[in-house]
């Protein structure tokens, strides 16, 4: 049986795959990811892109922001490895690069909503 690595009082969790022992680098990388996702607008962007690929104009129709502000947040998410992008003519389309990160966002936002 596998136990939660982040709990002083371990509780059983279903075995999914072998989990490497935590390292300082792993904790630093996780903290960096949470810093990237710490802005509410970035969580809105991730939520919107979970529905499919969109360009900046489409995102601005759903999320209240200025175009420069939206572009800045998209760039931060892209550089952090959360989003991928592709160019089609003059348009840049964004999508979720890592479905695990999207699942983390959904789990956290759903958990907060329920409390």
N, C-alpha and C. Protein backbone atom coordinates (compact mmCIF):
# COMPACT_ATOMS: atom_id res chain seq x y z
N UNK A 1 0.84 -1.18 0.00
CA UNK A 1 0.00 0.00 0.00
C UNK A 1 0.89 1.24 0.00
N UNK A 2 0.49 2.28 -0.76
CA UNK A 2 1.24 3.52 -0.86
C UNK A 2 0.66 4.53 0.12
N UNK A 3 1.51 5.35 0.71
CA UNK A 3 1.05 6.35 1.66
C UNK A 3 1.38 7.75 1.16
N UNK A 4 0.55 8.70 1.56
CA UNK A 4 0.74 10.09 1.18
C UNK A 4 2.07 10.59 1.75
N UNK A 5 2.88 11.18 0.91
CA UNK A 5 4.20 11.63 1.33
C UNK A 5 4.17 12.96 2.07
N UNK A 6 3.09 13.70 1.98
CA UNK A 6 3.03 15.04 2.53
C UNK A 6 2.24 15.10 3.84
N UNK A 7 2.02 13.97 4.50
CA UNK A 7 1.14 13.92 5.65
C UNK A 7 1.90 13.34 6.82
N UNK A 8 1.86 14.02 7.98
CA UNK A 8 2.53 13.50 9.16
C UNK A 8 1.85 12.23 9.67
N UNK A 9 0.56 12.13 9.45
CA UNK A 9 -0.20 10.96 9.85
C UNK A 9 -0.65 10.27 8.57
N UNK A 10 0.20 9.41 8.00
CA UNK A 10 -0.10 8.84 6.68
C UNK A 10 -1.44 8.12 6.63
N UNK A 11 -2.14 8.36 5.56
CA UNK A 11 -3.39 7.65 5.33
C UNK A 11 -3.25 6.88 4.02
N UNK A 12 -3.89 5.74 3.93
CA UNK A 12 -3.77 4.95 2.69
C UNK A 12 -4.38 5.69 1.51
N UNK A 13 -3.69 5.63 0.39
CA UNK A 13 -4.22 6.14 -0.87
C UNK A 13 -4.09 5.03 -1.89
N UNK A 14 -4.98 4.99 -2.85
CA UNK A 14 -4.90 3.90 -3.83
C UNK A 14 -3.59 3.93 -4.59
N UNK A 15 -2.94 2.78 -4.75
CA UNK A 15 -1.69 2.77 -5.52
C UNK A 15 -1.96 3.04 -6.99
N UNK A 16 -1.29 4.03 -7.52
CA UNK A 16 -1.43 4.37 -8.93
C UNK A 16 -0.15 4.01 -9.66
N UNK A 17 0.93 4.55 -9.13
CA UNK A 17 2.24 4.25 -9.68
C UNK A 17 3.25 4.55 -8.59
N UNK A 18 4.45 4.06 -8.74
CA UNK A 18 5.49 4.32 -7.75
C UNK A 18 5.79 5.80 -7.71
N UNK A 19 5.83 6.38 -6.53
CA UNK A 19 6.10 7.80 -6.35
C UNK A 19 7.53 7.93 -5.84
N UNK A 20 8.35 8.71 -6.54
CA UNK A 20 9.72 8.87 -6.06
C UNK A 20 9.73 9.64 -4.74
N UNK A 21 10.72 9.42 -3.91
CA UNK A 21 10.78 10.17 -2.66
C UNK A 21 10.90 11.66 -2.96
N UNK A 22 10.26 12.49 -2.15
CA UNK A 22 10.32 13.93 -2.42
C UNK A 22 11.74 14.46 -2.27
N UNK A 23 12.06 15.41 -3.14
CA UNK A 23 13.35 16.07 -3.08
C UNK A 23 13.13 17.57 -2.95
N UNK A 24 14.15 18.27 -2.54
CA UNK A 24 14.04 19.72 -2.43
C UNK A 24 13.71 20.33 -3.79
N UNK A 25 14.31 19.79 -4.84
CA UNK A 25 14.05 20.30 -6.19
C UNK A 25 12.58 20.11 -6.57
N UNK A 26 11.98 18.99 -6.17
CA UNK A 26 10.58 18.74 -6.47
C UNK A 26 9.70 19.78 -5.76
N UNK A 27 9.99 20.05 -4.49
CA UNK A 27 9.21 21.03 -3.75
C UNK A 27 9.37 22.43 -4.35
N UNK A 28 10.59 22.77 -4.78
CA UNK A 28 10.82 24.07 -5.42
C UNK A 28 10.04 24.19 -6.72
N UNK A 29 10.05 23.13 -7.51
CA UNK A 29 9.33 23.14 -8.78
C UNK A 29 7.82 23.27 -8.55
N UNK A 30 7.30 22.57 -7.55
CA UNK A 30 5.87 22.66 -7.22
C UNK A 30 5.53 24.07 -6.75
N UNK A 31 6.38 24.67 -5.92
CA UNK A 31 6.14 26.03 -5.44
C UNK A 31 6.15 27.02 -6.60
N UNK A 32 7.08 26.83 -7.55
CA UNK A 32 7.11 27.70 -8.73
C UNK A 32 5.80 27.59 -9.52
N UNK A 33 5.32 26.37 -9.68
CA UNK A 33 4.06 26.17 -10.41
C UNK A 33 2.90 26.85 -9.69
N UNK A 34 2.84 26.72 -8.37
CA UNK A 34 1.76 27.37 -7.63
C UNK A 34 1.88 28.89 -7.70
N UNK A 35 3.10 29.41 -7.74
CA UNK A 35 3.27 30.87 -7.91
C UNK A 35 2.73 31.31 -9.27
N UNK A 36 3.03 30.52 -10.30
CA UNK A 36 2.55 30.85 -11.64
C UNK A 36 1.02 30.87 -11.67
N UNK A 37 0.40 29.95 -10.98
CA UNK A 37 -1.06 29.83 -11.02
C UNK A 37 -1.75 30.63 -9.92
N UNK A 38 -1.01 31.49 -9.20
CA UNK A 38 -1.57 32.17 -8.04
C UNK A 38 -2.49 33.34 -8.38
N UNK A 39 -2.51 33.81 -9.60
CA UNK A 39 -3.36 34.93 -9.98
C UNK A 39 -4.72 34.41 -10.45
N UNK A 40 -5.81 34.96 -9.92
CA UNK A 40 -7.15 34.49 -10.32
C UNK A 40 -7.37 34.51 -11.83
N UNK A 41 -6.85 35.52 -12.52
CA UNK A 41 -7.06 35.58 -13.98
C UNK A 41 -6.38 34.39 -14.66
N UNK A 42 -5.26 33.95 -14.14
CA UNK A 42 -4.58 32.79 -14.74
C UNK A 42 -5.40 31.52 -14.55
N UNK A 43 -6.04 31.39 -13.41
CA UNK A 43 -6.93 30.24 -13.20
C UNK A 43 -8.12 30.31 -14.14
N UNK A 44 -8.64 31.52 -14.39
CA UNK A 44 -9.75 31.68 -15.35
C UNK A 44 -9.30 31.28 -16.75
N UNK A 45 -8.09 31.69 -17.11
CA UNK A 45 -7.55 31.34 -18.43
C UNK A 45 -7.43 29.83 -18.56
N UNK A 46 -6.86 29.19 -17.56
CA UNK A 46 -6.72 27.72 -17.60
C UNK A 46 -8.09 27.07 -17.71
N UNK A 47 -9.04 27.54 -16.91
CA UNK A 47 -10.40 26.99 -16.95
C UNK A 47 -11.01 27.14 -18.34
N UNK A 48 -10.85 28.30 -18.93
CA UNK A 48 -11.39 28.54 -20.27
C UNK A 48 -10.74 27.63 -21.30
N UNK A 49 -9.42 27.48 -21.21
CA UNK A 49 -8.71 26.67 -22.19
C UNK A 49 -8.94 25.17 -22.00
N UNK A 50 -9.47 24.78 -20.85
CA UNK A 50 -9.85 23.37 -20.66
C UNK A 50 -10.98 23.00 -21.62
N UNK A 51 -11.71 24.00 -22.11
CA UNK A 51 -12.79 23.76 -23.07
C UNK A 51 -12.27 23.65 -24.50
N UNK A 52 -11.00 24.01 -24.70
CA UNK A 52 -10.41 23.92 -26.03
C UNK A 52 -9.52 25.10 -26.34
N UNK A 53 -8.79 24.98 -27.41
CA UNK A 53 -7.85 25.99 -27.87
C UNK A 53 -8.57 27.30 -28.19
N UNK A 54 -7.93 28.43 -27.84
CA UNK A 54 -8.52 29.75 -28.11
C UNK A 54 -7.41 30.75 -28.40
N UNK A 55 -7.80 31.81 -29.12
CA UNK A 55 -6.86 32.90 -29.33
C UNK A 55 -7.14 34.00 -28.30
N UNK A 56 -6.32 35.04 -28.30
CA UNK A 56 -6.46 36.11 -27.30
C UNK A 56 -7.84 36.76 -27.38
N UNK A 57 -8.32 37.02 -28.58
CA UNK A 57 -9.64 37.65 -28.74
C UNK A 57 -10.76 36.83 -28.13
N UNK A 58 -10.70 35.52 -28.34
CA UNK A 58 -11.72 34.64 -27.78
C UNK A 58 -11.65 34.62 -26.25
N UNK A 59 -10.43 34.63 -25.72
CA UNK A 59 -10.28 34.67 -24.27
C UNK A 59 -10.80 35.98 -23.69
N UNK A 60 -10.55 37.08 -24.40
CA UNK A 60 -11.02 38.39 -23.92
C UNK A 60 -12.55 38.49 -23.93
N UNK A 61 -13.22 37.72 -24.77
CA UNK A 61 -14.68 37.70 -24.77
C UNK A 61 -15.22 37.03 -23.51
N UNK A 62 -14.44 36.14 -22.93
CA UNK A 62 -14.87 35.40 -21.74
C UNK A 62 -14.34 35.98 -20.44
N UNK A 63 -13.17 36.62 -20.50
CA UNK A 63 -12.48 37.07 -19.28
C UNK A 63 -12.25 38.57 -19.38
N UNK A 64 -12.70 39.29 -18.37
CA UNK A 64 -12.54 40.74 -18.37
C UNK A 64 -11.08 41.10 -18.07
N UNK A 65 -10.43 41.67 -19.07
CA UNK A 65 -9.04 42.10 -18.95
C UNK A 65 -8.72 42.96 -20.16
N UNK A 66 -7.66 43.74 -20.05
CA UNK A 66 -7.18 44.46 -21.22
C UNK A 66 -6.35 43.50 -22.06
N UNK A 67 -6.19 43.81 -23.32
CA UNK A 67 -5.41 42.93 -24.20
C UNK A 67 -3.96 42.81 -23.71
N UNK A 68 -3.29 43.92 -23.33
CA UNK A 68 -1.91 43.77 -22.85
C UNK A 68 -1.82 42.92 -21.57
N UNK A 69 -2.79 43.09 -20.66
CA UNK A 69 -2.78 42.31 -19.43
C UNK A 69 -3.00 40.83 -19.73
N UNK A 70 -3.94 40.52 -20.61
CA UNK A 70 -4.20 39.14 -20.99
C UNK A 70 -2.94 38.52 -21.61
N UNK A 71 -2.31 39.25 -22.51
CA UNK A 71 -1.10 38.74 -23.17
C UNK A 71 0.02 38.48 -22.16
N UNK A 72 0.15 39.34 -21.18
CA UNK A 72 1.17 39.16 -20.15
C UNK A 72 0.92 37.87 -19.36
N UNK A 73 -0.32 37.64 -18.97
CA UNK A 73 -0.65 36.43 -18.21
C UNK A 73 -0.49 35.18 -19.07
N UNK A 74 -0.90 35.25 -20.32
CA UNK A 74 -0.71 34.12 -21.23
C UNK A 74 0.77 33.79 -21.39
N UNK A 75 1.60 34.81 -21.51
CA UNK A 75 3.04 34.60 -21.65
C UNK A 75 3.63 33.95 -20.40
N UNK A 76 3.18 34.39 -19.23
CA UNK A 76 3.65 33.80 -17.98
C UNK A 76 3.29 32.32 -17.92
N UNK A 77 2.04 31.99 -18.27
CA UNK A 77 1.60 30.60 -18.27
C UNK A 77 2.35 29.77 -19.31
N UNK A 78 2.62 30.38 -20.46
CA UNK A 78 3.37 29.69 -21.51
C UNK A 78 4.80 29.41 -21.06
N UNK A 79 5.48 30.42 -20.53
CA UNK A 79 6.86 30.25 -20.09
C UNK A 79 6.97 29.26 -18.94
N UNK A 80 5.90 29.17 -18.14
CA UNK A 80 5.88 28.22 -17.03
C UNK A 80 5.53 26.81 -17.43
N UNK A 81 5.26 26.58 -18.72
CA UNK A 81 4.97 25.24 -19.20
C UNK A 81 3.53 24.80 -19.01
N UNK A 82 2.68 25.73 -18.58
CA UNK A 82 1.27 25.40 -18.37
C UNK A 82 0.52 25.39 -19.69
N UNK A 83 0.85 26.33 -20.57
CA UNK A 83 0.17 26.46 -21.86
C UNK A 83 1.14 26.19 -23.00
N UNK A 84 0.57 25.79 -24.12
CA UNK A 84 1.32 25.74 -25.38
C UNK A 84 0.65 26.73 -26.33
N UNK A 85 1.34 27.06 -27.39
CA UNK A 85 0.77 28.00 -28.35
C UNK A 85 1.21 27.64 -29.74
N UNK A 86 0.39 28.08 -30.69
CA UNK A 86 0.74 27.88 -32.10
C UNK A 86 0.25 29.10 -32.86
N UNK A 87 0.98 29.41 -33.91
CA UNK A 87 0.65 30.57 -34.74
C UNK A 87 -0.08 30.10 -35.99
N UNK A 88 -1.13 30.84 -36.31
CA UNK A 88 -1.86 30.62 -37.56
C UNK A 88 -2.09 32.00 -38.19
N UNK A 89 -1.26 32.33 -39.16
CA UNK A 89 -1.29 33.69 -39.72
C UNK A 89 -0.84 34.68 -38.66
N UNK A 90 -1.68 35.68 -38.38
CA UNK A 90 -1.34 36.66 -37.35
C UNK A 90 -1.90 36.27 -35.99
N UNK A 91 -2.70 35.23 -35.94
CA UNK A 91 -3.33 34.78 -34.69
C UNK A 91 -2.42 33.80 -33.95
N UNK A 92 -2.42 33.90 -32.62
CA UNK A 92 -1.74 32.93 -31.79
C UNK A 92 -2.82 32.21 -30.98
N UNK A 93 -2.82 30.89 -31.06
CA UNK A 93 -3.80 30.08 -30.36
C UNK A 93 -3.12 29.40 -29.17
N UNK A 94 -3.80 29.43 -28.04
CA UNK A 94 -3.28 28.85 -26.80
C UNK A 94 -4.08 27.62 -26.44
N UNK A 95 -3.40 26.67 -25.81
CA UNK A 95 -4.07 25.46 -25.32
C UNK A 95 -3.32 24.97 -24.08
N UNK A 96 -3.94 24.04 -23.39
CA UNK A 96 -3.33 23.46 -22.19
C UNK A 96 -2.18 22.55 -22.63
N UNK A 97 -1.00 22.78 -22.07
CA UNK A 97 0.17 21.98 -22.43
C UNK A 97 0.27 20.73 -21.56
N UNK A 98 -0.25 20.81 -20.36
CA UNK A 98 -0.09 19.71 -19.42
C UNK A 98 -1.43 19.45 -18.74
N UNK A 99 -2.07 18.36 -19.09
CA UNK A 99 -3.40 18.05 -18.53
C UNK A 99 -3.33 17.79 -17.03
N UNK A 100 -2.20 17.35 -16.51
CA UNK A 100 -2.07 17.16 -15.07
C UNK A 100 -2.21 18.48 -14.34
N UNK A 101 -1.64 19.54 -14.89
CA UNK A 101 -1.74 20.85 -14.27
C UNK A 101 -3.19 21.33 -14.30
N UNK A 102 -3.87 21.11 -15.41
CA UNK A 102 -5.29 21.48 -15.50
C UNK A 102 -6.10 20.72 -14.46
N UNK A 103 -5.78 19.45 -14.24
CA UNK A 103 -6.48 18.64 -13.25
C UNK A 103 -6.23 19.17 -11.84
N UNK A 104 -5.01 19.62 -11.57
CA UNK A 104 -4.69 20.20 -10.26
C UNK A 104 -5.53 21.46 -10.04
N UNK A 105 -5.59 22.32 -11.06
CA UNK A 105 -6.38 23.55 -10.95
C UNK A 105 -7.84 23.24 -10.68
N UNK A 106 -8.37 22.28 -11.42
CA UNK A 106 -9.78 21.91 -11.25
C UNK A 106 -10.02 21.37 -9.84
N UNK A 107 -9.13 20.51 -9.37
CA UNK A 107 -9.28 19.93 -8.03
C UNK A 107 -9.24 21.00 -6.95
N UNK A 108 -8.30 21.92 -7.06
CA UNK A 108 -8.17 22.98 -6.05
C UNK A 108 -9.38 23.91 -6.10
N UNK A 109 -9.76 24.35 -7.29
CA UNK A 109 -10.90 25.27 -7.41
C UNK A 109 -12.20 24.61 -6.97
N UNK A 110 -12.38 23.34 -7.29
CA UNK A 110 -13.57 22.61 -6.87
C UNK A 110 -13.57 22.44 -5.35
N UNK A 111 -12.41 22.12 -4.79
CA UNK A 111 -12.31 21.96 -3.34
C UNK A 111 -12.60 23.25 -2.60
N UNK A 112 -12.14 24.37 -3.11
CA UNK A 112 -12.40 25.67 -2.49
C UNK A 112 -13.87 26.01 -2.59
N UNK A 113 -14.47 25.71 -3.73
CA UNK A 113 -15.89 25.99 -3.96
C UNK A 113 -16.77 25.23 -2.97
N UNK A 114 -16.39 24.00 -2.66
CA UNK A 114 -17.19 23.16 -1.78
C UNK A 114 -17.05 23.53 -0.32
N UNK A 115 -15.99 24.23 0.05
CA UNK A 115 -15.78 24.60 1.46
C UNK A 115 -16.40 25.92 1.81
